[in-house]
Amino acid sequence: MESEPLTDRVIAIAETRELEVLAGLLERRGARVLRYPLVQIVDAPDPAPVLAWLRRLCAGECDDLILLTGEGLRRLLACVERHAPPLRPAFIAALARVRKITRGPKPARALRELGLTPELPAAQPTTLGVVETLRGLDLRGRRVGVQLYGDDPNATLIDFLERAGAEVLPVAPYRYADAAAAARIEELLTRMRAGEVDAIAFTSKAQVERLFRHAPAEQLRAALAATSVAAIGPVVAATLAAHGVAVQTMPHSAWFMKPLTAALSAALGPQEYMRRR
């Protein structure tokens, strides 16, 4: 029997919400996966501002809605169902009415779960991709809802919208919290420094930031230099670069888990396997 491309490769992953999905993709290609979820996603600590934003949306006070993550849309829906169930039909109707701009496939998938589709998918699944998609449009006087991710105020996007003359209505339905205990992170760093990890895969900028909050940057860069660093896409790669970490592996265009797995297989797999493909 021929071996899978990642047989005998040890890959650490920092994913949280879809931890087992990514682990399964890698394990089916033969990898031994080390699970180190660095962050957890939790609801906004105070639902009141989120509910106030939802009521404005339902009252017709948004013309456009920018959805940056699928998680955000699902958290908004969960907030309605948990705190204001009678609002659900109006929320779905409002989503159908507004012009929806999505950053990447995940918010588009979350919309499809509700029987909806985006009117303006971003040309690239990044903040700058959203900006470029909107740049040629007349946004003067438009009321634009922006679903933020985590605690990031996304100044780049908000500044662009305000300069374009839009009224910006941001909402932050969730935030990132530390998941892995300090001892677990130390275990991961020790393994990387000892050369026991072939690659570490990051799937969100929050994971990178969590790691760099744990220890001095010099120590973290030294540990990461001892392994191959993979990023799911350019946002994560840029975050790593800002911390002085070079990314060796990243999908070329489609920035989600299956392409990341394929990129890792191409980077770490035996050459004879790749030639057979």
Protein backbone atom coordinates (compact mmCIF):
# COMPACT_ATOMS: atom_id res chain seq x y z
CA MET A 1 0.00 0.00 0.00
CA GLU A 2 1.25 3.46 -0.83
CA SER A 3 1.50 5.82 2.11
CA GLU A 4 -0.45 9.03 2.44
CA PRO A 5 1.42 12.29 1.76
CA LEU A 6 1.65 13.29 5.43
CA THR A 7 2.52 9.89 6.88
CA ASP A 8 4.89 10.26 9.86
CA ARG A 9 4.54 14.06 9.79
CA VAL A 10 3.68 15.77 13.08
CA ILE A 11 1.48 18.84 12.65
CA ALA A 12 0.33 21.12 15.46
CA ILE A 13 -2.93 23.00 14.92
CA ALA A 14 -4.26 25.98 16.84
CA GLU A 15 -7.83 25.85 15.50
CA THR A 16 -10.71 26.04 17.97
CA ARG A 17 -14.22 25.98 16.51
CA GLU A 18 -13.50 23.48 13.73
CA LEU A 19 -10.63 21.73 15.49
CA GLU A 20 -11.76 18.21 14.65
CA VAL A 21 -12.59 19.12 11.06
CA LEU A 22 -9.03 20.29 10.37
CA ALA A 23 -7.55 17.46 12.42
CA GLY A 24 -9.57 14.93 10.43
CA LEU A 25 -8.45 16.35 7.09
CA LEU A 26 -4.80 16.08 8.13
CA GLU A 27 -5.13 12.66 9.76
CA ARG A 28 -6.76 11.21 6.65
CA ARG A 29 -3.55 12.17 4.83
CA GLY A 30 -1.48 10.32 7.41
CA ALA A 31 -0.42 13.13 9.75
CA ARG A 32 -0.14 12.84 13.50
CA VAL A 33 -1.99 15.90 14.75
CA LEU A 34 -1.22 17.75 17.97
CA ARG A 35 -4.27 19.72 19.12
CA TYR A 36 -3.48 23.04 20.81
CA PRO A 37 -6.57 25.30 20.58
CA LEU A 38 -5.17 28.69 21.52
CA VAL A 39 -8.39 30.68 21.65
CA GLN A 40 -12.07 30.11 22.23
CA ILE A 41 -14.92 32.08 20.71
CA VAL A 42 -17.47 33.43 23.19
CA ASP A 43 -20.52 35.66 22.95
CA ALA A 44 -20.16 39.37 23.58
CA PRO A 45 -20.14 39.81 27.37
CA ASP A 46 -23.07 42.26 27.24
CA PRO A 47 -25.86 41.35 24.80
CA ALA A 48 -27.56 44.75 25.12
CA PRO A 49 -25.51 46.60 22.44
CA VAL A 50 -25.89 43.65 20.08
CA LEU A 51 -29.67 43.57 20.61
CA ALA A 52 -29.88 47.33 20.10
CA TRP A 53 -28.02 46.96 16.79
CA LEU A 54 -30.28 44.07 15.74
CA ARG A 55 -33.39 46.14 16.43
CA ARG A 56 -32.03 48.97 14.26
CA LEU A 57 -31.38 46.48 11.46
CA CYS A 58 -34.88 45.05 11.79
CA ALA A 59 -36.35 48.57 11.80
CA GLY A 60 -34.85 49.22 8.36
CA GLU A 61 -31.98 51.43 9.51
CA CYS A 62 -29.33 49.63 7.41
CA ASP A 63 -28.99 49.83 3.64
CA ASP A 64 -25.94 47.58 3.41
CA LEU A 65 -24.51 44.88 5.66
CA ILE A 66 -20.89 43.79 5.59
CA LEU A 67 -20.42 40.30 7.01
CA LEU A 68 -16.78 39.63 7.78
CA THR A 69 -17.20 36.12 9.25
CA GLY A 70 -19.69 33.28 9.19
CA GLU A 71 -19.27 33.00 12.95
CA GLY A 72 -20.52 36.56 13.33
CA LEU A 73 -23.78 35.96 11.47
CA ARG A 74 -24.42 32.78 13.43
CA ARG A 75 -23.76 34.61 16.72
CA LEU A 76 -26.18 37.36 15.72
CA LEU A 77 -28.86 34.79 15.02
CA ALA A 78 -28.10 33.00 18.30
CA CYS A 79 -28.40 36.31 20.17
CA VAL A 80 -31.86 36.83 18.69
CA GLU A 81 -32.95 33.30 19.53
CA ARG A 82 -31.62 33.49 23.08
CA HIS A 83 -32.71 36.98 24.09
CA ALA A 84 -35.46 38.10 21.68
CA PRO A 85 -37.05 35.11 19.86
CA PRO A 86 -40.00 37.10 18.44
CA LEU A 87 -37.45 39.19 16.53
CA ARG A 88 -36.27 36.26 14.39
CA PRO A 89 -38.67 36.68 11.42
CA ALA A 90 -37.89 40.39 11.24
CA PHE A 91 -34.14 39.65 11.39
CA ILE A 92 -34.34 37.18 8.49
CA ALA A 93 -36.50 39.64 6.51
CA ALA A 94 -33.99 42.42 7.15
CA LEU A 95 -31.14 40.22 5.98
CA ALA A 96 -33.04 39.50 2.79
CA ARG A 97 -33.72 43.20 2.21
CA VAL A 98 -30.27 44.75 2.72
CA ARG A 99 -27.41 44.61 0.23
CA LYS A 100 -25.07 42.00 1.67
CA ILE A 101 -21.30 42.18 1.22
CA THR A 102 -19.32 39.12 2.33
CA ARG A 103 -15.63 38.68 3.02
CA GLY A 104 -14.89 35.15 1.84
CA PRO A 105 -16.78 31.85 1.64
CA LYS A 106 -17.68 31.43 5.32
CA PRO A 107 -20.15 34.32 5.69
CA ALA A 108 -21.62 33.37 2.30
CA ARG A 109 -22.10 29.82 3.60
CA ALA A 110 -23.79 31.13 6.75
CA LEU A 111 -26.18 33.14 4.58
CA ARG A 112 -26.99 30.08 2.48
CA GLU A 113 -27.98 28.27 5.67
CA LEU A 114 -30.75 30.87 5.93
CA GLY A 115 -31.70 30.59 2.26
CA LEU A 116 -29.92 33.82 1.32
CA THR A 117 -26.97 34.81 -0.87
CA PRO A 118 -24.64 37.84 -0.87
CA GLU A 119 -25.16 40.55 -3.45
CA LEU A 120 -21.48 41.56 -3.36
CA PRO A 121 -18.92 38.88 -2.49
CA ALA A 122 -15.52 40.50 -1.98
CA ALA A 123 -13.02 40.03 -4.77
CA GLN A 124 -10.55 38.72 -2.20
CA PRO A 125 -11.52 37.36 1.25
CA THR A 126 -9.74 40.10 3.17
CA THR A 127 -10.59 43.54 4.54
CA LEU A 128 -8.76 45.10 1.60
CA GLY A 129 -10.77 42.85 -0.71
CA VAL A 130 -13.97 44.27 0.77
CA VAL A 131 -12.63 47.81 0.36
CA GLU A 132 -11.73 47.20 -3.29
CA THR A 133 -15.17 45.70 -3.97
CA LEU A 134 -16.86 48.80 -2.54
CA ARG A 135 -14.44 51.41 -3.87
CA GLY A 136 -16.30 52.12 -7.09
CA LEU A 137 -19.73 52.40 -5.46
CA ASP A 138 -21.48 55.56 -4.31
CA LEU A 139 -21.76 55.11 -0.54
CA ARG A 140 -22.71 58.70 0.32
CA GLY A 141 -25.55 58.65 2.81
CA ARG A 142 -25.69 54.85 2.89
CA ARG A 143 -26.20 53.29 6.30
CA VAL A 144 -23.72 50.42 6.42
CA GLY A 145 -23.83 47.76 9.10
CA VAL A 146 -20.46 46.13 9.77
CA GLN A 147 -20.25 42.83 11.60
CA LEU A 148 -16.82 42.91 13.21
CA TYR A 149 -14.73 39.90 14.17
CA GLY A 150 -13.69 39.55 17.77
CA ASP A 151 -12.48 42.72 19.46
CA ASP A 152 -10.87 44.08 16.27
CA PRO A 153 -12.39 47.50 15.44
CA ASN A 154 -11.15 47.12 11.82
CA ALA A 155 -10.08 50.73 11.50
CA THR A 156 -9.08 50.18 7.86
CA LEU A 157 -12.62 49.31 6.79
CA ILE A 158 -14.39 51.79 9.06
CA ASP A 159 -12.14 54.66 7.95
CA PHE A 160 -12.75 53.82 4.29
CA LEU A 161 -16.53 53.78 4.76
CA GLU A 162 -16.56 57.07 6.66
CA ARG A 163 -14.38 58.77 4.06
CA ALA A 164 -16.77 57.50 1.39
CA GLY A 165 -19.62 59.28 3.15
CA ALA A 166 -21.36 56.30 4.72
CA GLU A 167 -22.91 56.15 8.16
CA VAL A 168 -21.24 53.16 9.79
CA LEU A 169 -23.14 50.95 12.23
CA PRO A 170 -20.69 48.39 13.68
CA VAL A 171 -21.59 45.39 15.83
CA ALA A 172 -19.30 42.93 17.64
CA PRO A 173 -21.35 39.80 18.44
CA TYR A 174 -18.46 37.72 19.76
CA ARG A 175 -14.94 37.95 21.07
CA TYR A 176 -11.91 35.72 21.47
CA ALA A 177 -10.83 34.44 24.85
CA ASP A 178 -7.75 32.49 25.85
CA ALA A 179 -8.32 28.74 25.62
CA ALA A 180 -5.03 26.89 26.07
CA ALA A 181 -3.55 27.01 29.54
CA ALA A 182 -0.02 28.38 29.90
CA ALA A 183 1.34 24.90 30.62
CA ARG A 184 -0.05 23.59 27.34
CA ILE A 185 1.53 26.41 25.38
CA GLU A 186 4.87 25.73 27.08
CA GLU A 187 4.52 22.08 26.09
CA LEU A 188 3.96 23.10 22.46
CA LEU A 189 6.96 25.45 22.47
CA THR A 190 9.18 22.77 24.03
CA ARG A 191 8.16 20.29 21.34
CA MET A 192 8.89 22.78 18.58
CA ARG A 193 12.29 23.73 20.00
CA ALA A 194 13.16 20.01 20.26
CA GLY A 195 12.37 19.48 16.57
CA GLU A 196 9.39 17.22 17.31
CA VAL A 197 6.93 19.24 15.20
CA ASP A 198 7.14 19.27 11.40
CA ALA A 199 4.66 22.12 10.99
CA ILE A 200 2.29 24.35 12.91
CA ALA A 201 -0.86 25.62 11.19
CA PHE A 202 -2.59 28.88 12.13
CA THR A 203 -6.13 29.55 10.94
CA SER A 204 -6.88 32.94 12.53
CA LYS A 205 -4.97 36.06 13.56
CA ALA A 206 -6.38 35.65 17.10
CA GLN A 207 -4.38 32.43 17.48
CA VAL A 208 -1.16 34.24 16.58
CA GLU A 209 -1.90 37.10 18.95
CA ARG A 210 -2.69 34.66 21.77
CA LEU A 211 0.65 32.92 21.28
CA PHE A 212 2.56 36.21 21.34
CA ARG A 213 0.82 37.27 24.53
CA HIS A 214 2.18 34.19 26.26
CA ALA A 215 5.95 34.72 26.14
CA PRO A 216 8.62 37.17 24.94
CA ALA A 217 8.61 37.54 21.17
CA GLU A 218 12.25 36.40 20.87
CA GLN A 219 11.46 33.08 22.54
CA LEU A 220 8.41 32.51 20.36
CA ARG A 221 10.23 33.37 17.15
CA ALA A 222 13.02 30.94 18.06
CA ALA A 223 10.53 28.13 18.65
CA LEU A 224 8.64 28.86 15.42
CA ALA A 225 11.91 28.98 13.48
CA ALA A 226 12.46 25.33 14.39
CA THR A 227 9.36 24.19 12.49
CA SER A 228 7.50 24.98 9.28
CA VAL A 229 4.83 27.64 9.74
CA ALA A 230 1.58 27.44 7.76
CA ALA A 231 -1.12 30.11 7.46
CA ILE A 232 -4.61 29.62 6.11
CA GLY A 233 -4.52 32.91 4.22
CA PRO A 234 -2.98 36.35 3.81
CA VAL A 235 -4.56 37.92 6.92
CA VAL A 236 -2.95 35.30 9.15
CA ALA A 237 0.30 35.47 7.17
CA ALA A 238 0.42 39.25 7.60
CA THR A 239 -0.15 38.90 11.35
CA LEU A 240 2.73 36.43 11.60
CA ALA A 241 4.94 38.69 9.49
CA ALA A 242 4.16 41.61 11.80
CA HIS A 243 5.62 39.51 14.62
CA GLY A 244 8.71 38.68 12.57
CA VAL A 245 7.67 35.13 11.63
CA ALA A 246 8.10 33.85 8.07
CA VAL A 247 5.33 31.69 6.60
CA GLN A 248 6.50 28.73 4.55
CA THR A 249 3.10 27.32 3.53
CA MET A 250 -0.15 28.99 2.48
CA PRO A 251 -2.84 28.13 -0.09
CA HIS A 252 -2.50 30.10 -3.30
CA SER A 253 -6.06 31.41 -3.64
CA ALA A 254 -8.81 29.57 -1.74
CA TRP A 255 -8.19 30.30 1.91
CA PHE A 256 -9.91 27.66 3.98
CA MET A 257 -9.16 24.27 5.51
CA LYS A 258 -9.11 21.90 2.53
CA PRO A 259 -6.69 24.05 0.51
CA LEU A 260 -4.56 24.47 3.65
CA THR A 261 -4.40 20.68 4.00
CA ALA A 262 -3.47 20.33 0.34
CA ALA A 263 -0.76 22.98 0.70
CA LEU A 264 0.72 21.19 3.71
CA SER A 265 0.65 17.91 1.79
CA ALA A 266 2.50 19.51 -1.10
CA ALA A 267 5.05 21.13 1.21
CA LEU A 268 5.72 18.18 3.50
CA GLY A 269 4.82 15.15 1.41
CA PRO A 270 7.44 12.83 -0.09
CA GLN A 271 8.51 13.80 -3.59
CA GLU A 272 7.69 10.38 -4.97
CA TYR A 273 4.11 10.79 -3.74
CA MET A 274 3.83 14.17 -5.41
CA ARG A 275 5.24 12.79 -8.68
CA ARG A 276 2.58 10.06 -8.68
CA ARG A 277 -0.04 12.83 -8.43
